[in-house]
């Protein structure tokens, strides 16, 4: 077989093997890590809910005090703000789970068999065409040595098979490259969607923070709590 065709074959097989042995296992690992991420987030969310519920109870106690009502309002506001943030963040998590992790897991399972079948089909077809071409070339060589009158016709057949083989290896390589590109594009597009959802969340958080009224620091200082301006970061 001509060296350039053999190079096309090796390059195409390398692409399929890269998808099977590198990309798909890496995608499986992303799904595993992503599920760990989800479990960690839910654990953190539950812990935050308990923590800020406790903050709210303390704030409600302060509201009943004759000396610390404004401080109680601050604590209750902090708790409410945190709960709203957790609720908005759930949208990001749902996108991460539903639009990313589930699709990656489903696609990986289906893709493993598809790529394996595609690789095997290409290899079988290549070997079949290569063997047929080699056989015809050997026959042509034999006929030319014997000055067979049908040698010219056989040479035309060899040239036709050679051209078909060139077209086959070129198209197969382009098809393999397209399959590889589609998978990286899928991963990039899904994470871009996640990033956009997260940016929207950050925009809502920023807007909410700018729209909330803040008590003047002089009021806080009169209450004897110089550290409290830091708490307004939660608002």
Protein backbone atom coordinates (compact mmCIF):
# COMPACT_ATOMS: atom_id res chain seq x y z
CA UNK A 1 0.00 0.00 0.00
CA UNK A 2 1.19 3.50 -0.85
CA UNK A 3 2.85 5.30 2.11
CA UNK A 4 0.45 8.27 1.94
CA UNK A 5 -2.58 5.98 2.21
CA UNK A 6 -1.01 4.11 5.09
CA UNK A 7 -0.43 7.45 6.80
CA UNK A 8 -4.08 8.42 6.31
CA UNK A 9 -5.10 5.07 7.81
CA UNK A 10 -2.86 5.48 10.83
CA UNK A 11 -4.03 9.05 11.42
CA UNK A 12 -7.70 8.07 11.23
CA UNK A 13 -7.24 5.13 13.60
CA UNK A 14 -5.34 7.41 16.00
CA UNK A 15 -8.30 9.81 16.10
CA UNK A 16 -10.77 7.03 16.88
CA UNK A 17 -8.47 5.61 19.55
CA UNK A 18 -8.02 9.07 21.06
CA UNK A 19 -11.79 9.39 21.43
CA UNK A 20 -12.14 5.90 22.90
CA UNK A 21 -9.09 5.88 25.15
CA UNK A 22 -8.78 9.52 26.18
CA UNK A 23 -11.85 11.68 25.54
CA UNK A 24 -14.59 9.29 26.67
CA UNK A 25 -12.74 8.20 29.86
CA UNK A 26 -12.08 11.88 30.62
CA UNK A 27 -15.80 12.59 30.13
CA UNK A 28 -16.68 9.72 32.47
CA UNK A 29 -14.34 11.21 35.06
CA UNK A 30 -16.01 14.62 34.65
CA UNK A 31 -19.39 13.03 35.35
CA UNK A 32 -17.98 11.37 38.47
CA UNK A 33 -16.39 14.62 39.69
CA UNK A 34 -19.53 16.56 38.83
CA UNK A 35 -21.70 14.26 40.91
CA UNK A 36 -19.28 14.70 43.81
CA UNK A 37 -19.57 18.46 43.28
CA UNK A 38 -23.37 18.24 43.44
CA UNK A 39 -23.31 16.22 46.65
CA UNK A 40 -20.90 18.72 48.20
CA UNK A 41 -23.12 21.63 47.14
CA UNK A 42 -26.27 20.06 48.58
CA UNK A 43 -24.45 19.34 51.83
CA UNK A 44 -23.21 22.95 51.95
CA UNK A 45 -26.69 24.27 51.10
CA UNK A 46 -28.28 22.25 53.89
CA UNK A 47 -25.61 23.36 56.36
CA UNK A 48 -26.11 27.00 55.30
CA UNK A 49 -29.87 26.69 55.76
CA UNK A 50 -29.39 25.41 59.31
CA UNK A 51 -26.78 28.04 60.08
CA UNK A 52 -28.76 31.04 58.81
CA UNK A 53 -31.96 29.74 60.39
CA UNK A 54 -30.10 29.92 63.67
CA UNK A 55 -28.99 33.47 62.78
CA UNK A 56 -32.61 34.40 62.10
CA UNK A 57 -33.75 33.05 65.47
CA UNK A 58 -31.10 35.12 67.22
CA UNK A 59 -32.20 38.15 65.21
CA UNK A 60 -35.82 37.56 66.18
CA UNK A 61 -34.74 37.41 69.81
CA UNK A 62 -32.94 40.73 69.36
CA UNK A 63 -36.11 42.25 67.91
CA UNK A 64 -37.77 41.63 71.24
CA UNK A 65 -34.99 43.47 73.04
CA UNK A 66 -35.39 47.12 73.97
CA UNK A 67 -31.74 47.85 73.17
CA UNK A 68 -30.91 45.78 70.05
CA UNK A 69 -33.88 45.93 67.70
CA UNK A 70 -31.91 47.40 64.79
CA UNK A 71 -29.27 44.73 65.24
CA UNK A 72 -32.00 42.11 65.16
CA UNK A 73 -33.25 43.58 61.88
CA UNK A 74 -29.74 43.31 60.45
CA UNK A 75 -29.44 39.66 61.46
CA UNK A 76 -32.86 38.78 60.05
CA UNK A 77 -32.02 40.60 56.82
CA UNK A 78 -28.75 38.67 56.53
CA UNK A 79 -30.61 35.40 56.96
CA UNK A 80 -33.25 36.29 54.37
CA UNK A 81 -30.63 37.44 51.87
CA UNK A 82 -28.67 34.23 52.22
CA UNK A 83 -31.78 32.16 51.63
CA UNK A 84 -32.58 34.11 48.47
CA UNK A 85 -29.02 33.56 47.26
CA UNK A 86 -29.28 29.83 47.89
CA UNK A 87 -32.56 29.73 45.99
CA UNK A 88 -31.03 31.54 43.00
CA UNK A 89 -27.97 29.33 43.11
CA UNK A 90 -30.22 26.28 42.80
CA UNK A 91 -30.95 27.39 39.21
CA UNK A 92 -27.24 27.13 38.42
CA UNK A 93 -27.08 23.72 40.06
CA UNK A 94 -30.12 22.49 38.12
CA UNK A 95 -28.48 23.61 34.88
CA UNK A 96 -25.26 21.87 35.90
CA UNK A 97 -27.13 18.65 36.65
CA UNK A 98 -29.82 18.58 33.98
CA UNK A 99 -28.17 20.27 31.01
CA UNK A 100 -24.61 19.12 31.60
CA UNK A 101 -24.01 16.07 33.79
CA UNK A 102 -26.98 14.02 32.59
CA UNK A 103 -26.20 14.75 28.93
CA UNK A 104 -22.52 13.90 29.41
CA UNK A 105 -23.37 10.62 31.15
CA UNK A 106 -25.92 9.62 28.49
CA UNK A 107 -23.69 10.62 25.58
CA UNK A 108 -20.67 8.80 26.99
CA UNK A 109 -22.52 5.50 27.31
CA UNK A 110 -23.95 5.74 23.79
CA UNK A 111 -20.74 7.07 22.28
CA UNK A 112 -18.49 4.27 23.46
CA UNK A 113 -20.29 1.68 21.35
CA UNK A 114 -20.79 4.06 18.42
CA UNK A 115 -17.10 4.97 18.17
CA UNK A 116 -16.05 1.35 18.63
CA UNK A 117 -18.36 0.26 15.82
CA UNK A 118 -17.21 3.13 13.58
CA UNK A 119 -13.57 2.28 14.17
CA UNK A 120 -14.10 -1.41 13.46
CA UNK A 121 -16.13 -0.67 10.33
CA UNK A 122 -13.43 1.65 9.01
CA UNK A 123 -10.66 -0.84 9.73
CA UNK A 124 -12.52 -3.72 8.03
CA UNK A 125 -13.42 -1.60 5.00
CA UNK A 126 -9.86 -0.29 4.67
CA UNK A 127 -8.32 -3.75 4.82
CA UNK A 128 -10.87 -5.08 2.32
CA UNK A 129 -10.17 -2.27 -0.16
CA UNK A 130 -6.41 -2.50 0.38
CA UNK A 131 -6.42 -6.26 -0.18
CA UNK A 132 -8.49 -5.89 -3.35
CA UNK A 133 -6.16 -3.19 -4.67
CA UNK A 134 -3.07 -5.24 -3.85
CA UNK A 135 -4.56 -8.25 -5.58
CA UNK A 136 -5.30 -6.27 -8.74
CA UNK A 137 -1.84 -4.70 -8.73
CA UNK A 138 -0.24 -8.14 -8.47
CA UNK A 139 -2.39 -9.39 -11.30
CA UNK A 140 -1.44 -6.37 -13.42
CA UNK A 141 2.24 -7.01 -12.76
CA UNK A 142 1.83 -10.65 -13.82
CA UNK A 143 -0.11 -9.69 -16.97
CA UNK A 144 2.47 -7.06 -17.97
CA UNK A 145 5.28 -9.58 -17.63
CA UNK A 146 3.42 -11.97 -19.92
CA UNK A 147 2.41 -9.14 -22.28
CA UNK A 148 -1.21 -10.08 -21.77
CA UNK A 149 -3.52 -8.21 -24.15
CA UNK A 150 -5.88 -7.46 -21.23
CA UNK A 151 -3.17 -5.69 -19.24
CA UNK A 152 -4.36 -2.26 -20.37
CA UNK A 153 -7.86 -2.96 -19.10
CA UNK A 154 -6.47 -4.24 -15.81
CA UNK A 155 -4.33 -1.12 -15.46
CA UNK A 156 -7.43 1.03 -15.84
CA UNK A 157 -9.10 -1.01 -13.11
CA UNK A 158 -6.09 -0.55 -10.83
CA UNK A 159 -6.08 3.22 -11.44
CA UNK A 160 -9.80 3.37 -10.68
CA UNK A 161 -9.40 1.34 -7.48
CA UNK A 162 -6.46 3.51 -6.45
CA UNK A 163 -8.48 6.69 -6.94
CA UNK A 164 -11.39 5.19 -4.99
CA UNK A 165 -9.01 4.20 -2.21
CA UNK A 166 -7.59 7.70 -2.03
CA UNK A 167 -11.08 9.19 -1.84
CA UNK A 168 -12.08 6.65 0.82
CA UNK A 169 -9.12 7.32 3.15
CA UNK A 170 -9.48 11.11 2.73
CA UNK A 171 -13.22 11.11 3.44
CA UNK A 172 -12.80 8.71 6.36
CA UNK A 173 -10.16 10.92 7.95
CA UNK A 174 -12.37 14.01 7.56
CA UNK A 175 -15.29 12.08 9.09
CA UNK A 176 -13.15 11.02 12.07
CA UNK A 177 -11.91 14.58 12.56
CA UNK A 178 -15.50 15.82 12.49
CA UNK A 179 -16.51 13.26 15.13
CA UNK A 180 -13.63 14.41 17.33
CA UNK A 181 -14.52 18.08 16.86
CA UNK A 182 -18.20 17.45 17.62
CA UNK A 183 -17.33 15.98 20.99
CA UNK A 184 -15.11 18.86 22.07
CA UNK A 185 -17.70 21.33 20.77
CA UNK A 186 -20.41 19.56 22.79
CA UNK A 187 -18.33 19.89 25.95
CA UNK A 188 -17.50 23.55 25.27
CA UNK A 189 -21.09 24.54 24.45
CA UNK A 190 -22.53 22.83 27.53
CA UNK A 191 -20.03 24.53 29.83
CA UNK A 192 -20.62 27.86 28.10
CA UNK A 193 -24.32 27.47 28.92
CA UNK A 194 -23.39 26.76 32.54
CA UNK A 195 -21.09 29.80 32.64
CA UNK A 196 -23.83 32.05 31.24
CA UNK A 197 -26.28 30.78 33.84
CA UNK A 198 -23.74 31.45 36.59
CA UNK A 199 -23.06 34.95 35.24
CA UNK A 200 -26.80 35.66 35.29
CA UNK A 201 -26.84 34.52 38.92
CA UNK A 202 -23.95 36.85 39.75
CA UNK A 203 -25.78 39.69 38.00
CA UNK A 204 -28.86 39.12 40.13
CA UNK A 205 -26.73 38.99 43.27
CA UNK A 206 -24.96 42.23 42.34
CA UNK A 207 -28.24 43.94 41.51
CA UNK A 208 -29.82 42.78 44.73
CA UNK A 209 -26.85 44.01 46.72
CA UNK A 210 -26.94 47.46 45.12
CA UNK A 211 -30.69 47.83 45.59
CA UNK A 212 -30.76 46.99 49.29
CA UNK A 213 -30.75 49.98 51.64
CA UNK A 214 -27.92 50.00 54.14
CA UNK A 215 -28.17 51.41 57.63
CA UNK A 216 -25.83 54.33 58.23
CA UNK A 217 -22.64 53.35 59.99
CA UNK A 218 -23.29 55.97 62.66
CA UNK A 219 -26.31 53.99 63.81
CA UNK A 220 -24.22 50.85 64.10
CA UNK A 221 -21.46 52.68 65.95
CA UNK A 222 -24.00 54.03 68.42
CA UNK A 223 -24.88 50.43 69.19
CA UNK A 224 -21.27 49.75 70.07
CA UNK A 225 -20.61 47.16 67.33
CA UNK A 226 -17.85 48.48 65.10
CA UNK A 227 -17.51 45.13 63.28
CA UNK A 228 -21.07 45.15 61.91
CA UNK A 229 -20.42 46.99 58.61
CA UNK A 230 -18.74 43.77 57.49
CA UNK A 231 -22.05 41.99 57.94
CA UNK A 232 -23.66 44.14 55.29
CA UNK A 233 -21.68 42.24 52.70
CA UNK A 234 -24.32 39.55 53.05
CA UNK A 235 -27.07 42.04 52.16
